[in-house]
Amino acid sequence: MADLDRIRWHCRRGLLELDIILERFNRQHLATLTPGQLEQFKELLELDDNHLLDLILGRDTLEQDLLQPMLSMLQAA
């Protein structure tokens, strides 16, 4: 559970729009993610705020196709 708490804390960002998207995603999906999905999510959270928001909103594309399934989940949240 401590790992999920760290992830939730890492979801607190500097952009309100991104905070809202990540909070909604956390409520809907975080507790049910597989360990592999959690790793993908943590990797996406390493991106800077503007880049992550642009990816979620479809204004930019991922260089790493392996993260696309998690990005798609974020986009649907």
C-alpha atoms as a PDB file:
ATOM      1  CA  MET A   1       0.000   0.000   0.000  1.00  0.00           C
ATOM      2  CA  ALA A   2       2.884   2.365   0.671  1.00  0.00           C
ATOM      3  CA  ASP A   3       3.854   2.133  -3.003  1.00  0.00           C
ATOM      4  CA  LEU A   4       0.370   3.294  -4.042  1.00  0.00           C
ATOM      5  CA  ASP A   5       0.607   6.194  -1.606  1.00  0.00           C
ATOM      6  CA  ARG A   6       3.919   7.251  -3.181  1.00  0.00           C
ATOM      7  CA  ILE A   7       2.348   7.047  -6.631  1.00  0.00           C
ATOM      8  CA  ARG A   8      -0.622   9.143  -5.511  1.00  0.00           C
ATOM      9  CA  TRP A   9       1.777  11.737  -4.101  1.00  0.00           C
ATOM     10  CA  HIS A  10       3.770  11.762  -7.345  1.00  0.00           C
ATOM     11  CA  CYS A  11       0.505  12.479  -9.203  1.00  0.00           C
ATOM     12  CA  ARG A  12       0.282  15.884  -7.529  1.00  0.00           C
ATOM     13  CA  ARG A  13       1.564  18.098 -10.309  1.00  0.00           C
ATOM     14  CA  GLY A  14       1.952  21.773 -11.132  1.00  0.00           C
ATOM     15  CA  LEU A  15      -0.828  21.917 -13.727  1.00  0.00           C
ATOM     16  CA  LEU A  16      -4.428  21.899 -12.524  1.00  0.00           C
ATOM     17  CA  GLU A  17      -5.671  20.141 -15.662  1.00  0.00           C
ATOM     18  CA  LEU A  18      -3.135  17.353 -15.181  1.00  0.00           C
ATOM     19  CA  ASP A  19      -3.986  17.051 -11.481  1.00  0.00           C
ATOM     20  CA  ILE A  20      -7.655  16.584 -12.356  1.00  0.00           C
ATOM     21  CA  ILE A  21      -6.941  13.907 -14.973  1.00  0.00           C
ATOM     22  CA  LEU A  22      -4.553  11.999 -12.713  1.00  0.00           C
ATOM     23  CA  GLU A  23      -6.893  12.181  -9.718  1.00  0.00           C
ATOM     24  CA  ARG A  24      -9.770  10.794 -11.787  1.00  0.00           C
ATOM     25  CA  PHE A  25      -7.495   8.033 -13.129  1.00  0.00           C
ATOM     26  CA  ASN A  26      -6.362   7.174  -9.602  1.00  0.00           C
ATOM     27  CA  ARG A  27      -9.922   6.868  -8.336  1.00  0.00           C
ATOM     28  CA  GLN A  28     -10.960   4.669 -11.267  1.00  0.00           C
ATOM     29  CA  HIS A  29      -7.914   2.479 -11.863  1.00  0.00           C
ATOM     30  CA  LEU A  30      -4.953   2.745  -9.497  1.00  0.00           C
ATOM     31  CA  ALA A  31      -5.994   0.026  -7.040  1.00  0.00           C
ATOM     32  CA  THR A  32      -6.616  -2.496  -9.829  1.00  0.00           C
ATOM     33  CA  LEU A  33      -3.483  -1.989 -11.948  1.00  0.00           C
ATOM     34  CA  THR A  34      -1.194  -4.984 -12.443  1.00  0.00           C
ATOM     35  CA  PRO A  35       2.450  -4.666 -11.357  1.00  0.00           C
ATOM     36  CA  GLY A  36       3.445  -4.179 -15.007  1.00  0.00           C
ATOM     37  CA  GLN A  37       0.860  -1.451 -15.467  1.00  0.00           C
ATOM     38  CA  LEU A  38       2.054   0.257 -12.285  1.00  0.00           C
ATOM     39  CA  GLU A  39       5.585   0.330 -13.678  1.00  0.00           C
ATOM     40  CA  GLN A  40       4.322   1.854 -16.928  1.00  0.00           C
ATOM     41  CA  PHE A  41       2.319   4.433 -14.991  1.00  0.00           C
ATOM     42  CA  LYS A  42       5.349   5.362 -12.879  1.00  0.00           C
ATOM     43  CA  GLU A  43       7.415   5.741 -16.045  1.00  0.00           C
ATOM     44  CA  LEU A  44       4.839   8.136 -17.492  1.00  0.00           C
ATOM     45  CA  LEU A  45       4.867  10.098 -14.235  1.00  0.00           C
ATOM     46  CA  GLU A  46       8.595  10.703 -14.719  1.00  0.00           C
ATOM     47  CA  LEU A  47       7.778  12.949 -17.696  1.00  0.00           C
ATOM     48  CA  ASP A  48       7.539  16.672 -17.140  1.00  0.00           C
ATOM     49  CA  ASP A  49       4.069  18.102 -16.598  1.00  0.00           C
ATOM     50  CA  ASN A  50       3.614  19.795 -19.953  1.00  0.00           C
ATOM     51  CA  HIS A  51       4.817  16.813 -21.955  1.00  0.00           C
ATOM     52  CA  LEU A  52       2.592  14.402 -20.009  1.00  0.00           C
ATOM     53  CA  LEU A  53      -0.445  16.643 -20.450  1.00  0.00           C
ATOM     54  CA  ASP A  54       0.273  16.993 -24.186  1.00  0.00           C
ATOM     55  CA  LEU A  55       0.468  13.196 -24.489  1.00  0.00           C
ATOM     56  CA  ILE A  56      -2.798  12.672 -22.636  1.00  0.00           C
ATOM     57  CA  LEU A  57      -4.565  15.324 -24.712  1.00  0.00           C
ATOM     58  CA  GLY A  58      -3.175  13.884 -27.953  1.00  0.00           C
ATOM     59  CA  ARG A  59      -1.101  16.946 -28.816  1.00  0.00           C
ATOM     60  CA  ASP A  60       2.098  14.866 -28.811  1.00  0.00           C
ATOM     61  CA  THR A  61       3.024  11.239 -29.432  1.00  0.00           C
ATOM     62  CA  LEU A  62       4.989   8.725 -27.433  1.00  0.00           C
ATOM     63  CA  GLU A  63       8.421   7.630 -28.514  1.00  0.00           C
ATOM     64  CA  GLN A  64       8.057   4.397 -26.523  1.00  0.00           C
ATOM     65  CA  ASP A  65       5.265   2.190 -27.853  1.00  0.00           C
ATOM     66  CA  LEU A  66       5.415   0.044 -24.713  1.00  0.00           C
ATOM     67  CA  LEU A  67       3.760   2.839 -22.738  1.00  0.00           C
ATOM     68  CA  GLN A  68       0.894   3.305 -25.199  1.00  0.00           C
ATOM     69  CA  PRO A  69      -1.578   0.989 -23.377  1.00  0.00           C
ATOM     70  CA  MET A  70      -1.157   2.974 -20.148  1.00  0.00           C
ATOM     71  CA  LEU A  71      -1.407   6.259 -22.016  1.00  0.00           C
ATOM     72  CA  SER A  72      -4.640   5.035 -23.602  1.00  0.00           C
ATOM     73  CA  MET A  73      -6.025   4.278 -20.131  1.00  0.00           C
ATOM     74  CA  LEU A  74      -5.115   7.799 -19.011  1.00  0.00           C
ATOM     75  CA  GLN A  75      -6.739   9.292 -22.071  1.00  0.00           C
ATOM     76  CA  ALA A  76      -9.962   7.358 -21.409  1.00  0.00           C
ATOM     77  CA  ALA A  77     -10.151   8.393 -17.740  1.00  0.00           C
END
